[in-house]
Amino acid sequence: MSNDAPNPAFNAPGKNRAVRAMFAEIAPSYDKLNHLLSMNIDKRWRRFTVGKLADLLQRPGAMALDLCCGTADLTMEIEPLARVIGCDFCHPMLVIGNRKLAERPAARGILIEGDALRLPFPDRSFDTVSVAFGLRNLERVDLGLAEIHRVLKPGGRAAILEFSRPIIPIFREAFGFYFHRILPRIGAIISGSSTAYSYLPQSVSKFPDQRGLAAMMRETGFVNVRYHNLSMGIAALHLGDIKGDIQGDRG
């Protein structure tokens, strides 16, 4: 690992600065590589995520926050259902996301620059908060979860889409070979970054598994925490609710 590469360890000190610099470096090739390396399965995962939030997003006046939004792929999936704010701390990624939003007619999404550990929003601001492949990159995951909990309204829901542990042993071994040996090489060739796509599998291996992340969400105060394994556990969608009633809170 080079000196400027993010430390892939869970909650590594100084991780935020290195992660921001890494994503700034790979921003121009980020979308193309995401879809190529996942064979477009990542698009299906995002649609599944929005489906699990749809009951709240379709309520009158619903507000959604897409945290660690990057180039706004998930933000744009949410946008047809509700007003949505995408938030990320990497400016070059947001520039690309804004270009994509500008191409959409009557876009209702906006992107702002902000830190997931110090969100620039009041308490109880959003009906839903989503994070796609960003929680793992935070310097303090516990603080990130606490901020998500803080800005959700009573009755609101968090949706955390993240790489996880394949659940079938034989498939886990085959995917592990691709993830740790093949993917970093392809990523380095296309992105020009010798670190970003090596950091990815290393950071996933050090992140809590499905049950571990669910336990962290419960410790933060989320209720009705559950998860769905996607593509045999390559990724998992974790959902957690806030006690209370959104409709009553609006009243």
Foldseek 3Di string as FASTA:
>chain_A
DDPLAADLAFLAPPLVVSVLVVCLLQLVCVVVLVCVLVVNVVLVVLLVLLVVQQVQLQPPQAEEEEELCFLPSSVVSSFVRHQYEYEEQRVSSPVNNVVVQVVDPPTRYYYDYDDLLDDPDQFQAHQEYEYAAPLLSDSHSLSSLLSRLRNHHAFHKYKYKHFAAQDDVVVRVVVVCCQQPPSLVVCCVRRVDNHPSNSVVSSRVNDDHPVVVQVSNVVSPFPPWDKDADPRRRMIMIMTHHHDDPVVVVD
